[in-house]
Amino acid sequence: MNIPAQLDGARVIMYIENDVNRTITKMFYEEEDGSAKEVLITGLALAKYEQSNEYYLFLCDTNWEIHQDFDMESIE
């Protein structure tokens, strides 16, 4: 599996293995037609934008597509 060097323009600092057999959590989205879409979150990445002092935790699917992010004040 290729780990991206960047996600959304932020440099990836740390990540956990992204394997569909190791699902971290599930996210559910409501589609425009009212149906539910399930997304398996299988990868987490800690990243930092060059011009920012904050770090970001990205929740990703098996293709490293970001489905949620959280800004963190520090790397800890």
PDB file of N, CA and C in Angstrom:
ATOM      1  N   MET A   1       0.848  -1.178   0.000  1.00  0.00           N
ATOM      2  CA  MET A   1       0.000   0.000   0.000  1.00  0.00           C
ATOM      3  C   MET A   1       0.889   1.234   0.000  1.00  0.00           C
ATOM      4  N   ASN A   2       0.591   2.160  -0.878  1.00  0.00           N
ATOM      5  CA  ASN A   2       1.336   3.413  -0.941  1.00  0.00           C
ATOM      6  C   ASN A   2       0.771   4.407   0.057  1.00  0.00           C
ATOM      7  N   ILE A   3       1.633   4.867   0.938  1.00  0.00           N
ATOM      8  CA  ILE A   3       1.243   5.872   1.914  1.00  0.00           C
ATOM      9  C   ILE A   3       1.544   7.232   1.289  1.00  0.00           C
ATOM     10  N   PRO A   4       0.558   8.122   1.214  1.00  0.00           N
ATOM     11  CA  PRO A   4       0.814   9.429   0.605  1.00  0.00           C
ATOM     12  C   PRO A   4       1.738  10.278   1.476  1.00  0.00           C
ATOM     13  N   ALA A   5       2.597  11.046   0.832  1.00  0.00           N
ATOM     14  CA  ALA A   5       3.468  11.971   1.556  1.00  0.00           C
ATOM     15  C   ALA A   5       2.683  13.176   2.055  1.00  0.00           C
ATOM     16  N   GLN A   6       1.566  13.474   1.372  1.00  0.00           N
ATOM     17  CA  GLN A   6       0.712  14.599   1.750  1.00  0.00           C
ATOM     18  C   GLN A   6      -0.753  14.187   1.657  1.00  0.00           C
ATOM     19  N   LEU A   7      -1.541  14.795   2.527  1.00  0.00           N
ATOM     20  CA  LEU A   7      -2.996  14.675   2.457  1.00  0.00           C
ATOM     21  C   LEU A   7      -3.554  16.077   2.501  1.00  0.00           C
ATOM     22  N   ASP A   8      -4.353  16.435   1.536  1.00  0.00           N
ATOM     23  CA  ASP A   8      -4.967  17.762   1.466  1.00  0.00           C
ATOM     24  C   ASP A   8      -3.920  18.876   1.548  1.00  0.00           C
ATOM     25  N   GLY A   9      -2.723  18.612   1.040  1.00  0.00           N
ATOM     26  CA  GLY A   9      -1.655  19.608   1.060  1.00  0.00           C
ATOM     27  C   GLY A   9      -0.845  19.640   2.343  1.00  0.00           C
ATOM     28  N   ALA A  10      -1.207  18.824   3.323  1.00  0.00           N
ATOM     29  CA  ALA A  10      -0.472  18.766   4.591  1.00  0.00           C
ATOM     30  C   ALA A  10       0.506  17.593   4.553  1.00  0.00           C
ATOM     31  N   ARG A  11       1.692  17.795   5.110  1.00  0.00           N
ATOM     32  CA  ARG A  11       2.727  16.755   5.142  1.00  0.00           C
ATOM     33  C   ARG A  11       2.375  15.703   6.188  1.00  0.00           C
ATOM     34  N   VAL A  12       2.329  14.440   5.772  1.00  0.00           N
ATOM     35  CA  VAL A  12       2.032  13.341   6.679  1.00  0.00           C
ATOM     36  C   VAL A  12       3.249  13.082   7.556  1.00  0.00           C
ATOM     37  N   ILE A  13       3.029  13.112   8.869  1.00  0.00           N
ATOM     38  CA  ILE A  13       4.101  12.897   9.842  1.00  0.00           C
ATOM     39  C   ILE A  13       4.060  11.467  10.379  1.00  0.00           C
ATOM     40  N   MET A  14       2.867  11.016  10.741  1.00  0.00           N
ATOM     41  CA  MET A  14       2.672   9.661  11.266  1.00  0.00           C
ATOM     42  C   MET A  14       1.365   9.117  10.716  1.00  0.00           C
ATOM     43  N   TYR A  15       1.263   7.812  10.661  1.00  0.00           N
ATOM     44  CA  TYR A  15       0.043   7.173  10.209  1.00  0.00           C
ATOM     45  C   TYR A  15      -0.051   5.790  10.841  1.00  0.00           C
ATOM     46  N   ILE A  16      -1.248   5.224  10.798  1.00  0.00           N
ATOM     47  CA  ILE A  16      -1.388   3.821  11.159  1.00  0.00           C
ATOM     48  C   ILE A  16      -1.781   3.067   9.901  1.00  0.00           C
ATOM     49  N   GLU A  17      -1.455   1.797   9.892  1.00  0.00           N
ATOM     50  CA  GLU A  17      -1.676   0.959   8.714  1.00  0.00           C
ATOM     51  C   GLU A  17      -3.107   1.085   8.206  1.00  0.00           C
ATOM     52  N   ASN A  18      -3.250   1.136   6.916  1.00  0.00           N
ATOM     53  CA  ASN A  18      -4.546   1.328   6.277  1.00  0.00           C
ATOM     54  C   ASN A  18      -4.937   0.025   5.583  1.00  0.00           C
ATOM     55  N   ASP A  19      -5.674  -0.829   6.294  1.00  0.00           N
ATOM     56  CA  ASP A  19      -6.041  -2.148   5.801  1.00  0.00           C
ATOM     57  C   ASP A  19      -7.529  -2.365   6.045  1.00  0.00           C
ATOM     58  N   VAL A  20      -8.270  -2.719   5.023  1.00  0.00           N
ATOM     59  CA  VAL A  20      -9.720  -2.900   5.146  1.00  0.00           C
ATOM     60  C   VAL A  20     -10.069  -3.949   6.200  1.00  0.00           C
ATOM     61  N   ASN A  21      -9.170  -4.870   6.478  1.00  0.00           N
ATOM     62  CA  ASN A  21      -9.419  -5.898   7.489  1.00  0.00           C
ATOM     63  C   ASN A  21      -9.220  -5.372   8.909  1.00  0.00           C
ATOM     64  N   ARG A  22      -8.745  -4.130   9.045  1.00  0.00           N
ATOM     65  CA  ARG A  22      -8.507  -3.543  10.355  1.00  0.00           C
ATOM     66  C   ARG A  22      -9.291  -2.232  10.469  1.00  0.00           C
ATOM     67  N   THR A  23     -10.585  -2.323  10.344  1.00  0.00           N
ATOM     68  CA  THR A  23     -11.446  -1.145  10.401  1.00  0.00           C
ATOM     69  C   THR A  23     -11.365  -0.495  11.771  1.00  0.00           C
ATOM     70  N   ILE A  24     -11.152   0.822  11.783  1.00  0.00           N
ATOM     71  CA  ILE A  24     -11.077   1.583  13.025  1.00  0.00           C
ATOM     72  C   ILE A  24     -12.479   1.972  13.474  1.00  0.00           C
ATOM     73  N   THR A  25     -13.251   2.460  12.550  1.00  0.00           N
ATOM     74  CA  THR A  25     -14.631   2.859  12.835  1.00  0.00           C
ATOM     75  C   THR A  25     -15.394   2.922  11.519  1.00  0.00           C
ATOM     76  N   LYS A  26     -16.678   3.174  11.619  1.00  0.00           N
ATOM     77  CA  LYS A  26     -17.517   3.358  10.444  1.00  0.00           C
ATOM     78  C   LYS A  26     -18.135   4.743  10.515  1.00  0.00           C
ATOM     79  N   MET A  27     -18.280   5.362   9.364  1.00  0.00           N
ATOM     80  CA  MET A  27     -18.977   6.643   9.281  1.00  0.00           C
ATOM     81  C   MET A  27     -20.176   6.444   8.366  1.00  0.00           C
ATOM     82  N   PHE A  28     -21.237   7.150   8.678  1.00  0.00           N
ATOM     83  CA  PHE A  28     -22.449   7.052   7.870  1.00  0.00           C
ATOM     84  C   PHE A  28     -22.807   8.434   7.359  1.00  0.00           C
ATOM     85  N   TYR A  29     -23.100   8.495   6.074  1.00  0.00           N
ATOM     86  CA  TYR A  29     -23.512   9.738   5.433  1.00  0.00           C
ATOM     87  C   TYR A  29     -24.905   9.548   4.862  1.00  0.00           C
ATOM     88  N   GLU A  30     -25.681  10.603   4.864  1.00  0.00           N
ATOM     89  CA  GLU A  30     -26.980  10.549   4.211  1.00  0.00           C
ATOM     90  C   GLU A  30     -26.817  11.071   2.792  1.00  0.00           C
ATOM     91  N   GLU A  31     -27.203  10.260   1.839  1.00  0.00           N
ATOM     92  CA  GLU A  31     -27.142  10.636   0.433  1.00  0.00           C
ATOM     93  C   GLU A  31     -28.296  11.593   0.117  1.00  0.00           C
ATOM     94  N   GLU A  32     -28.217  12.249  -1.029  1.00  0.00           N
ATOM     95  CA  GLU A  32     -29.270  13.187  -1.443  1.00  0.00           C
ATOM     96  C   GLU A  32     -30.631  12.522  -1.562  1.00  0.00           C
ATOM     97  N   ASP A  33     -30.636  11.232  -1.925  1.00  0.00           N
ATOM     98  CA  ASP A  33     -31.913  10.520  -2.065  1.00  0.00           C
ATOM     99  C   ASP A  33     -32.437   9.991  -0.730  1.00  0.00           C
ATOM    100  N   GLY A  34     -31.732  10.290   0.369  1.00  0.00           N
ATOM    101  CA  GLY A  34     -32.154   9.864   1.697  1.00  0.00           C
ATOM    102  C   GLY A  34     -31.569   8.532   2.142  1.00  0.00           C
ATOM    103  N   SER A  35     -30.892   7.829   1.250  1.00  0.00           N
ATOM    104  CA  SER A  35     -30.290   6.554   1.626  1.00  0.00           C
ATOM    105  C   SER A  35     -29.000   6.800   2.418  1.00  0.00           C
ATOM    106  N   ALA A  36     -28.594   5.803   3.166  1.00  0.00           N
ATOM    107  CA  ALA A  36     -27.386   5.911   3.980  1.00  0.00           C
ATOM    108  C   ALA A  36     -26.200   5.302   3.248  1.00  0.00           C
ATOM    109  N   LYS A  37     -25.066   5.960   3.362  1.00  0.00           N
ATOM    110  CA  LYS A  37     -23.826   5.455   2.781  1.00  0.00           C
ATOM    111  C   LYS A  37     -22.871   5.168   3.932  1.00  0.00           C
ATOM    112  N   GLU A  38     -22.337   3.965   3.961  1.00  0.00           N
ATOM    113  CA  GLU A  38     -21.385   3.573   5.004  1.00  0.00           C
ATOM    114  C   GLU A  38     -19.964   3.670   4.462  1.00  0.00           C
ATOM    115  N   VAL A  39     -19.069   4.284   5.225  1.00  0.00           N
ATOM    116  CA  VAL A  39     -17.659   4.384   4.849  1.00  0.00           C
ATOM    117  C   VAL A  39     -16.836   3.768   5.976  1.00  0.00           C
ATOM    118  N   LEU A  40     -15.944   2.853   5.608  1.00  0.00           N
ATOM    119  CA  LEU A  40     -15.061   2.248   6.600  1.00  0.00           C
ATOM    120  C   LEU A  40     -13.817   3.113   6.758  1.00  0.00           C
ATOM    121  N   ILE A  41     -13.561   3.550   7.970  1.00  0.00           N
ATOM    122  CA  ILE A  41     -12.347   4.304   8.265  1.00  0.00           C
ATOM    123  C   ILE A  41     -11.288   3.292   8.676  1.00  0.00           C
ATOM    124  N   THR A  42     -10.254   3.180   7.857  1.00  0.00           N
ATOM    125  CA  THR A  42      -9.218   2.171   8.076  1.00  0.00           C
ATOM    126  C   THR A  42      -7.842   2.776   8.295  1.00  0.00           C
ATOM    127  N   GLY A  43      -7.714   4.079   8.112  1.00  0.00           N
ATOM    128  CA  GLY A  43      -6.411   4.717   8.280  1.00  0.00           C
ATOM    129  C   GLY A  43      -6.528   6.039   9.008  1.00  0.00           C
ATOM    130  N   LEU A  44      -5.561   6.299   9.858  1.00  0.00           N
ATOM    131  CA  LEU A  44      -5.433   7.584  10.531  1.00  0.00           C
ATOM    132  C   LEU A  44      -4.084   8.170  10.163  1.00  0.00           C
ATOM    133  N   ALA A  45      -4.045   9.464   9.949  1.00  0.00           N
ATOM    134  CA  ALA A  45      -2.778  10.119   9.635  1.00  0.00           C
ATOM    135  C   ALA A  45      -2.695  11.428  10.408  1.00  0.00           C
ATOM    136  N   LEU A  46      -1.534  11.682  10.974  1.00  0.00           N
ATOM    137  CA  LEU A  46      -1.248  12.955  11.623  1.00  0.00           C
ATOM    138  C   LEU A  46      -0.435  13.762  10.625  1.00  0.00           C
ATOM    139  N   ALA A  47      -0.889  14.966  10.340  1.00  0.00           N
ATOM    140  CA  ALA A  47      -0.244  15.773   9.302  1.00  0.00           C
ATOM    141  C   ALA A  47      -0.157  17.229   9.743  1.00  0.00           C
ATOM    142  N   LYS A  48       0.688  17.997   9.035  1.00  0.00           N
ATOM    143  CA  LYS A  48       0.901  19.401   9.374  1.00  0.00           C
ATOM    144  C   LYS A  48       1.035  20.202   8.091  1.00  0.00           C
ATOM    145  N   TYR A  49       0.274  21.291   8.028  1.00  0.00           N
ATOM    146  CA  TYR A  49       0.420  22.228   6.915  1.00  0.00           C
ATOM    147  C   TYR A  49       1.656  23.083   7.170  1.00  0.00           C
ATOM    148  N   GLU A  50       2.370  23.431   6.132  1.00  0.00           N
ATOM    149  CA  GLU A  50       3.628  24.168   6.252  1.00  0.00           C
ATOM    150  C   GLU A  50       3.479  25.490   7.003  1.00  0.00           C
ATOM    151  N   GLN A  51       2.427  26.230   6.757  1.00  0.00           N
ATOM    152  CA  GLN A  51       2.259  27.556   7.355  1.00  0.00           C
ATOM    153  C   GLN A  51       1.478  27.540   8.672  1.00  0.00           C
ATOM    154  N   SER A  52       1.211  26.375   9.214  1.00  0.00           N
ATOM    155  CA  SER A  52       0.395  26.270  10.424  1.00  0.00           C
ATOM    156  C   SER A  52       1.213  25.748  11.600  1.00  0.00           C
ATOM    157  N   ASN A  53       0.840  26.146  12.792  1.00  0.00           N
ATOM    158  CA  ASN A  53       1.461  25.624  14.011  1.00  0.00           C
ATOM    159  C   ASN A  53       0.688  24.436  14.559  1.00  0.00           C
ATOM    160  N   GLU A  54      -0.478  24.171  14.001  1.00  0.00           N
ATOM    161  CA  GLU A  54      -1.310  23.073  14.472  1.00  0.00           C
ATOM    162  C   GLU A  54      -1.074  21.816  13.649  1.00  0.00           C
ATOM    163  N   TYR A  55      -1.453  20.696  14.244  1.00  0.00           N
ATOM    164  CA  TYR A  55      -1.393  19.402  13.583  1.00  0.00           C
ATOM    165  C   TYR A  55      -2.826  18.963  13.301  1.00  0.00           C
ATOM    166  N   TYR A  56      -2.997  18.088  12.338  1.00  0.00           N
ATOM    167  CA  TYR A  56      -4.321  17.636  11.951  1.00  0.00           C
ATOM    168  C   TYR A  56      -4.362  16.119  11.930  1.00  0.00           C
ATOM    169  N   LEU A  57      -5.420  15.584  12.498  1.00  0.00           N
ATOM    170  CA  LEU A  57      -5.652  14.149  12.472  1.00  0.00           C
ATOM    171  C   LEU A  57      -6.689  13.881  11.387  1.00  0.00           C
ATOM    172  N   PHE A  58      -6.300  13.105  10.379  1.00  0.00           N
ATOM    173  CA  PHE A  58      -7.183  12.780   9.270  1.00  0.00           C
ATOM    174  C   PHE A  58      -7.694  11.348   9.416  1.00  0.00           C
ATOM    175  N   LEU A  59      -8.990  11.162   9.268  1.00  0.00           N
ATOM    176  CA  LEU A  59      -9.616   9.848   9.245  1.00  0.00           C
ATOM    177  C   LEU A  59      -9.854   9.506   7.786  1.00  0.00           C
ATOM    178  N   CYS A  60      -9.280   8.394   7.330  1.00  0.00           N
ATOM    179  CA  CYS A  60      -9.267   8.068   5.898  1.00  0.00           C
ATOM    180  C   CYS A  60      -9.811   6.672   5.622  1.00  0.00           C
ATOM    181  N   ASP A  61     -10.266   6.487   4.379  1.00  0.00           N
ATOM    182  CA  ASP A  61     -10.679   5.157   3.931  1.00  0.00           C
ATOM    183  C   ASP A  61      -9.458   4.433   3.354  1.00  0.00           C
ATOM    184  N   THR A  62      -9.672   3.272   2.758  1.00  0.00           N
ATOM    185  CA  THR A  62      -8.554   2.473   2.251  1.00  0.00           C
ATOM    186  C   THR A  62      -7.792   3.134   1.107  1.00  0.00           C
ATOM    187  N   ASN A  63      -8.392   4.125   0.453  1.00  0.00           N
ATOM    188  CA  ASN A  63      -7.728   4.858  -0.628  1.00  0.00           C
ATOM    189  C   ASN A  63      -7.096   6.154  -0.129  1.00  0.00           C
ATOM    190  N   TRP A  64      -7.013   6.329   1.177  1.00  0.00           N
ATOM    191  CA  TRP A  64      -6.496   7.531   1.823  1.00  0.00           C
ATOM    192  C   TRP A  64      -7.315   8.766   1.467  1.00  0.00           C
ATOM    193  N   GLU A  65      -8.597   8.566   1.160  1.00  0.00           N
ATOM    194  CA  GLU A  65      -9.508   9.694   0.977  1.00  0.00           C
ATOM    195  C   GLU A  65      -9.942  10.153   2.365  1.00  0.00           C
ATOM    196  N   ILE A  66      -9.841  11.443   2.619  1.00  0.00           N
ATOM    197  CA  ILE A  66     -10.172  12.000   3.930  1.00  0.00           C
ATOM    198  C   ILE A  66     -11.688  12.116   4.079  1.00  0.00           C
ATOM    199  N   HIS A  67     -12.192  11.617   5.213  1.00  0.00           N
ATOM    200  CA  HIS A  67     -13.623  11.711   5.491  1.00  0.00           C
ATOM    201  C   HIS A  67     -13.906  12.581   6.712  1.00  0.00           C
ATOM    202  N   GLN A  68     -12.913  12.827   7.519  1.00  0.00           N
ATOM    203  CA  GLN A  68     -13.065  13.696   8.687  1.00  0.00           C
ATOM    204  C   GLN A  68     -11.677  14.155   9.106  1.00  0.00           C
ATOM    205  N   ASP A  69     -11.605  15.357   9.642  1.00  0.00           N
ATOM    206  CA  ASP A  69     -10.324  15.806  10.175  1.00  0.00           C
ATOM    207  C   ASP A  69     -10.558  16.599  11.456  1.00  0.00           C
ATOM    208  N   PHE A  70      -9.549  16.586  12.286  1.00  0.00           N
ATOM    209  CA  PHE A  70      -9.581  17.295  13.562  1.00  0.00           C
ATOM    210  C   PHE A  70      -8.299  18.092  13.701  1.00  0.00           C
ATOM    211  N   ASP A  71      -8.401  19.349  14.101  1.00  0.00           N
ATOM    212  CA  ASP A  71      -7.189  20.118  14.334  1.00  0.00           C
ATOM    213  C   ASP A  71      -6.750  19.888  15.778  1.00  0.00           C
ATOM    214  N   MET A  72      -5.443  19.709  15.933  1.00  0.00           N
ATOM    215  CA  MET A  72      -4.841  19.404  17.223  1.00  0.00           C
ATOM    216  C   MET A  72      -3.838  20.513  17.550  1.00  0.00           C
ATOM    217  N   GLU A  73      -3.786  20.927  18.801  1.00  0.00           N
ATOM    218  CA  GLU A  73      -2.879  21.993  19.192  1.00  0.00           C
ATOM    219  C   GLU A  73      -1.412  21.557  19.189  1.00  0.00           C
ATOM    220  N   SER A  74      -1.173  20.284  19.418  1.00  0.00           N
ATOM    221  CA  SER A  74       0.213  19.810  19.449  1.00  0.00           C
ATOM    222  C   SER A  74       0.273  18.394  18.911  1.00  0.00           C
ATOM    223  N   ILE A  75       1.465  17.900  18.744  1.00  0.00           N
ATOM    224  CA  ILE A  75       1.661  16.560  18.236  1.00  0.00           C
ATOM    225  C   ILE A  75       1.330  15.511  19.301  1.00  0.00           C
ATOM    226  N   GLU A  76       1.371  15.910  20.563  1.00  0.00           N
ATOM    227  CA  GLU A  76       1.042  14.992  21.642  1.00  0.00           C
ATOM    228  C   GLU A  76      -0.432  14.670  21.606  1.00  0.00           C
TER     229      GLU A  76
END
